Amino acid sequence: MGLSQRQLGPLLSLLLMGALVWPPPCMSLELIPYTPQITAWDLEGKVTATTFSLEQPRCVLDGHAAVANTIWLVVAFSNASRDFRNPQTLAEIPAFPRLLTDGHYMTLPLSLDQLPCEDPVGGGRGIPLLRVGNDPGCLADLREPPFCNTPLPSPGPYRVKFLLMDASGSPQAETRWSDPITLHQGKAPGSIDTWPGRRSGDMIVIASILSSLAGLLLLAFLAASTVRFSSLWWPEEVPEQLRIGSFKGKRYMTHHIPPTEAATLPVGYEPGLDPLPSLSP
């Protein structure tokens, strides 16, 4: 059964409108051949229990972004990245709480001038990296925008990509998803082994030497203290010469004189001397 010209008119109009909007926006997005990755700089803490550090996409989006465009970082659980759909307006941009419910969120909005192409070596800009999860207080600060960079809640693993959006929130280009990024997992306090029997031999030897040195030092201290304070408790012997004020006296030894001789000896007689001459005839 053929269609009349009146019936074909609206049908042709619908087909023409469909051709103008095909392919849909999510399918026509330009894919930039770049894969986000952990920074290659030799840094401590590139990946921690709540953060990880990405290299900045310098000179990656220059040919695709305009001055008014914004570069967003999309963070998703590895198993939820395939279900992420790019937002079409600013109101659809998912904030951090969506990570706990939908498995993804967007953060770290950057402009093109924040990602210059020049090498930062020798300059004052520091190391070019993006640290995800580096703002622990942003959720509690009411003045912060809702797309804050709060610490990540679990080890993951996570995948990330960069999404370029214009001023109205329409996506313009995107990068590939990164490889899975797993955060470090700390040990529970109860799982830490503190039994000394499991220590290494070197640690036991070092502990023994330190204990011996401490004992020797204690003995030396006690010996020095004993010598130092012994003179306070045991005074020296009294010298032969006794000093009383400014007077000096000598100790004299007395001679034993028998009583009979003492009665007959004249006054002034000393033993060992010649007898006095007699005055009697």
Protein backbone atom coordinates (compact mmCIF):
# COMPACT_ATOMS: atom_id res chain seq x y z
CA MET A 1 0.00 0.00 0.00
CA GLY A 2 1.56 3.29 -1.11
CA LEU A 3 1.82 6.47 0.98
CA SER A 4 0.34 9.70 -0.18
CA GLN A 5 2.44 12.83 -0.60
CA ARG A 6 0.73 14.36 2.45
CA GLN A 7 1.87 11.40 4.59
CA LEU A 8 5.43 11.39 3.23
CA GLY A 9 6.04 15.05 4.14
CA PRO A 10 6.16 14.69 7.96
CA LEU A 11 8.11 11.44 7.65
CA LEU A 12 10.82 13.07 5.52
CA SER A 13 11.05 15.95 7.99
CA LEU A 14 11.67 13.56 10.90
CA LEU A 15 14.34 11.69 8.99
CA LEU A 16 16.07 14.95 8.11
CA MET A 17 16.08 16.13 11.72
CA GLY A 18 17.48 12.78 12.85
CA ALA A 19 20.28 13.05 10.33
CA LEU A 20 21.22 16.51 11.63
CA VAL A 21 21.60 15.31 15.24
CA TRP A 22 23.28 12.01 14.35
CA PRO A 23 25.58 10.83 15.84
CA PRO A 24 24.42 11.66 19.36
CA PRO A 25 26.66 13.91 21.49
CA CYS A 26 28.06 11.06 23.57
CA MET A 27 29.20 9.26 20.41
CA SER A 28 30.64 12.27 18.59
CA LEU A 29 33.03 13.20 21.41
CA GLU A 30 36.61 13.51 20.23
CA LEU A 31 38.97 10.96 21.77
CA ILE A 32 42.43 12.30 22.57
CA PRO A 33 45.14 9.60 22.35
CA TYR A 34 46.47 10.13 25.85
CA THR A 35 46.33 7.79 28.87
CA PRO A 36 46.61 9.34 32.36
CA GLN A 37 49.25 7.74 34.57
CA ILE A 38 51.02 8.07 37.90
CA THR A 39 53.77 10.67 37.79
CA ALA A 40 57.20 9.38 36.75
CA TRP A 41 59.03 11.72 39.14
CA ASP A 42 60.98 9.96 41.90
CA LEU A 43 58.87 11.10 44.85
CA GLU A 44 57.96 9.68 48.22
CA GLY A 45 54.25 9.11 48.65
CA LYS A 46 53.23 9.09 45.00
CA VAL A 47 50.57 6.60 46.08
CA THR A 48 49.34 6.56 49.67
CA ALA A 49 46.37 5.09 51.52
CA THR A 50 44.07 7.98 50.46
CA THR A 51 45.83 9.82 47.59
CA PHE A 52 47.69 9.30 44.34
CA SER A 53 49.68 11.70 42.14
CA LEU A 54 49.10 11.96 38.39
CA GLU A 55 51.30 13.61 35.81
CA GLN A 56 49.78 16.82 34.44
CA PRO A 57 48.45 16.56 30.87
CA ARG A 58 50.78 19.28 29.52
CA CYS A 59 50.59 19.99 25.79
CA VAL A 60 47.92 17.29 25.47
CA LEU A 61 44.75 19.40 25.16
CA ASP A 62 46.19 22.54 23.54
CA GLY A 63 44.83 21.77 20.08
CA HIS A 64 41.40 20.86 21.41
CA ALA A 65 40.63 23.39 24.15
CA ALA A 66 39.58 27.02 23.96
CA VAL A 67 40.30 29.69 26.54
CA ALA A 68 36.86 29.36 28.13
CA ASN A 69 36.97 25.56 28.33
CA THR A 70 37.52 23.62 31.54
CA ILE A 71 39.50 20.41 31.96
CA TRP A 72 37.94 18.05 34.50
CA LEU A 73 39.32 14.90 36.08
CA VAL A 74 36.88 11.99 36.21
CA VAL A 75 37.59 9.51 39.02
CA ALA A 76 35.75 6.18 39.08
CA PHE A 77 36.06 2.77 40.61
CA SER A 78 37.63 0.45 38.11
CA ASN A 79 34.52 -1.71 37.79
CA ALA A 80 32.25 1.36 37.44
CA SER A 81 34.22 3.28 34.80
CA ARG A 82 32.44 1.54 31.90
CA ASP A 83 29.08 2.75 33.20
CA PHE A 84 30.11 6.42 33.42
CA ARG A 85 28.20 8.76 31.12
CA ASN A 86 29.64 12.20 30.37
CA PRO A 87 27.46 15.02 31.75
CA GLN A 88 25.84 17.30 29.21
CA THR A 89 25.37 20.35 31.46
CA LEU A 90 27.09 21.89 34.48
CA ALA A 91 24.25 20.74 36.70
CA GLU A 92 24.93 17.11 35.80
CA ILE A 93 28.56 17.14 36.94
CA PRO A 94 28.82 14.52 39.73
CA ALA A 95 30.39 15.62 43.04
CA PHE A 96 32.35 13.45 45.45
CA PRO A 97 29.36 11.91 47.33
CA ARG A 98 28.37 10.25 44.04
CA LEU A 99 31.48 8.07 44.34
CA LEU A 100 29.89 6.23 47.26
CA THR A 101 26.58 5.71 45.47
CA ASP A 102 27.33 5.60 41.73
CA GLY A 103 31.04 4.76 41.78
CA HIS A 104 32.34 7.94 40.10
CA TYR A 105 32.76 11.72 40.52
CA MET A 106 34.53 14.69 38.93
CA THR A 107 37.07 17.03 40.51
CA LEU A 108 40.12 19.29 39.93
CA PRO A 109 38.68 21.66 37.31
CA LEU A 110 41.58 23.31 35.45
CA SER A 111 41.92 25.93 32.76
CA LEU A 112 44.31 25.62 29.83
CA ASP A 113 46.71 28.25 31.19
CA GLN A 114 47.23 26.10 34.30
CA LEU A 115 48.77 23.39 32.13
CA PRO A 116 51.55 25.16 30.20
CA CYS A 117 53.84 23.29 27.87
CA GLU A 118 57.16 24.63 29.12
CA ASP A 119 59.40 22.38 31.15
CA PRO A 120 59.27 23.34 34.84
CA VAL A 121 62.91 22.32 35.46
CA GLY A 122 64.78 25.37 36.71
CA GLY A 123 61.57 27.34 37.20
CA GLY A 124 59.56 28.21 40.26
CA ARG A 125 56.41 26.22 39.50
CA GLY A 126 57.51 23.05 41.26
CA ILE A 127 56.91 19.49 40.14
CA PRO A 128 54.08 19.20 37.58
CA LEU A 129 51.62 16.76 39.14
CA LEU A 130 47.98 16.49 40.15
CA ARG A 131 47.43 15.00 43.58
CA VAL A 132 44.04 13.31 43.83
CA GLY A 133 42.50 13.26 47.33
CA ASN A 134 44.75 15.99 48.74
CA ASP A 135 42.18 18.21 50.50
CA PRO A 136 40.87 16.56 53.70
CA GLY A 137 38.91 19.58 54.91
CA CYS A 138 37.01 20.56 51.80
CA LEU A 139 33.79 18.72 52.63
CA ALA A 140 33.55 20.45 56.02
CA ASP A 141 34.21 23.92 54.55
CA LEU A 142 30.93 25.41 53.35
CA ARG A 143 32.77 28.00 51.26
CA GLU A 144 34.38 25.31 49.13
CA PRO A 145 32.74 24.33 45.83
CA PRO A 146 30.99 20.95 45.80
CA PHE A 147 33.63 19.45 43.47
CA CYS A 148 36.31 19.26 46.16
CA ASN A 149 39.36 17.02 46.11
CA THR A 150 38.67 15.02 49.26
CA PRO A 151 40.70 11.92 50.32
CA LEU A 152 39.65 8.67 48.73
CA PRO A 153 37.66 6.32 50.96
CA SER A 154 39.12 2.92 50.02
CA PRO A 155 42.09 1.30 48.25
CA GLY A 156 40.10 1.03 45.02
CA PRO A 157 41.26 0.22 42.40
CA TYR A 158 40.40 3.42 40.50
CA ARG A 159 40.51 4.61 36.90
CA VAL A 160 40.72 8.25 35.79
CA LYS A 161 40.35 10.25 32.59
CA PHE A 162 40.38 13.92 31.58
CA LEU A 163 37.21 15.46 30.16
CA LEU A 164 37.18 18.78 28.29
CA MET A 165 33.96 20.80 28.67
CA ASP A 166 32.91 24.21 27.38
CA ALA A 167 31.44 27.05 29.42
CA SER A 168 27.93 25.60 29.26
CA GLY A 169 29.01 22.17 30.47
CA SER A 170 28.91 20.42 27.12
CA PRO A 171 31.71 17.88 26.65
CA GLN A 172 34.14 18.58 23.80
CA ALA A 173 36.88 15.94 24.08
CA GLU A 174 38.16 13.25 26.41
CA THR A 175 41.22 11.10 27.01
CA ARG A 176 41.45 7.37 27.47
CA TRP A 177 40.83 5.78 30.85
CA SER A 178 43.94 5.08 32.90
CA ASP A 179 45.09 1.67 34.01
CA PRO A 180 43.75 0.56 37.42
CA ILE A 181 45.35 2.47 40.34
CA THR A 182 45.35 0.71 43.71
CA LEU A 183 46.10 2.66 46.87
CA HIS A 184 48.39 1.39 49.62
CA GLN A 185 46.64 -0.47 52.38
CA GLY A 186 47.87 0.14 55.93
CA LYS A 187 48.12 -2.58 58.55
CA ALA A 188 45.64 -2.86 61.37
CA PRO A 189 47.18 -2.17 64.80
CA GLY A 190 46.30 -5.66 66.00
CA SER A 191 48.19 -7.29 63.11
CA ILE A 192 51.57 -5.73 64.02
CA ASP A 193 53.89 -8.37 65.49
CA THR A 194 55.74 -7.08 68.58
CA TRP A 195 57.06 -10.44 69.87
CA PRO A 196 60.84 -10.03 70.52
CA GLY A 197 61.54 -13.62 69.57
CA ARG A 198 60.82 -12.77 65.95
CA ARG A 199 63.43 -10.02 65.76
CA SER A 200 66.40 -10.45 63.44
CA GLY A 201 69.83 -11.56 64.68
CA ASP A 202 71.36 -8.14 63.99
CA MET A 203 68.80 -6.42 66.16
CA ILE A 204 69.47 -8.84 69.03
CA VAL A 205 73.24 -8.26 68.83
CA ILE A 206 72.83 -4.48 68.77
CA ALA A 207 70.44 -4.57 71.72
CA SER A 208 72.89 -6.73 73.71
CA ILE A 209 75.81 -4.37 73.04
CA LEU A 210 73.78 -1.33 74.06
CA SER A 211 72.68 -3.04 77.27
CA SER A 212 76.30 -3.93 78.15
CA LEU A 213 77.48 -0.37 77.52
CA ALA A 214 74.72 0.99 79.71
CA GLY A 215 75.77 -1.36 82.53
CA LEU A 216 79.45 -0.33 82.25
CA LEU A 217 78.55 3.34 82.35
CA LEU A 218 76.45 2.75 85.45
CA LEU A 219 79.31 0.96 87.21
CA ALA A 220 81.78 3.73 86.31
CA PHE A 221 79.39 6.32 87.66
CA LEU A 222 78.96 4.46 90.94
CA ALA A 223 82.74 4.04 91.36
CA ALA A 224 83.41 7.73 90.72
CA SER A 225 80.67 8.71 93.15
CA THR A 226 82.11 6.44 95.87
CA VAL A 227 85.62 7.91 95.54
CA ARG A 228 84.31 11.44 95.48
CA PHE A 229 82.15 11.22 98.58
CA SER A 230 84.30 8.87 100.69
CA SER A 231 86.37 11.81 102.04
CA LEU A 232 83.23 13.34 103.47
CA TRP A 233 82.48 10.30 105.58
CA TRP A 234 86.06 9.21 106.59
CA PRO A 235 88.31 12.25 107.46
CA GLU A 236 92.11 12.02 107.24
CA GLU A 237 94.36 11.38 110.30
CA VAL A 238 95.35 14.29 112.59
CA PRO A 239 98.84 15.57 111.61
CA GLU A 240 101.75 15.70 114.02
CA GLN A 241 101.58 19.46 114.28
CA LEU A 242 98.26 20.71 115.60
CA ARG A 243 97.12 24.03 114.28
CA ILE A 244 94.95 26.08 116.67
CA GLY A 245 94.28 29.52 115.23
CA SER A 246 97.72 31.07 114.56
CA PHE A 247 99.47 29.10 117.33
CA LYS A 248 101.68 26.16 116.54
CA GLY A 249 102.69 23.74 119.21
CA LYS A 250 104.89 20.66 119.33
CA ARG A 251 104.19 17.41 120.98
CA TYR A 252 106.72 16.64 123.76
CA MET A 253 107.54 13.22 125.12
CA THR A 254 107.77 13.08 128.94
CA HIS A 255 110.60 11.16 130.67
CA HIS A 256 109.91 8.67 133.40
CA ILE A 257 111.74 9.57 136.56
CA PRO A 258 111.62 7.17 139.45
CA PRO A 259 110.12 8.68 142.63
CA THR A 260 113.26 8.16 144.70
CA GLU A 261 115.46 10.01 142.29
CA ALA A 262 112.94 12.82 141.92
CA ALA A 263 113.12 13.49 145.67
CA THR A 264 116.94 13.81 145.79
CA LEU A 265 117.49 15.68 142.56
CA PRO A 266 118.01 19.38 142.94
CA VAL A 267 115.87 21.93 141.26
CA GLY A 268 116.86 22.50 137.65
CA TYR A 269 118.42 19.08 137.22
CA GLU A 270 117.68 17.28 134.00
CA PRO A 271 118.57 13.71 133.27
CA GLY A 272 121.58 13.26 131.10
CA LEU A 273 123.33 16.42 132.37
CA ASP A 274 126.32 16.66 134.67
CA PRO A 275 125.39 17.06 138.30
CA LEU A 276 125.56 20.51 139.77
CA PRO A 277 128.54 21.26 141.91
CA SER A 278 127.95 20.94 145.62
CA LEU A 279 128.12 24.11 147.71
CA SER A 280 128.81 22.30 150.96
CA PRO A 281 132.42 21.87 152.09
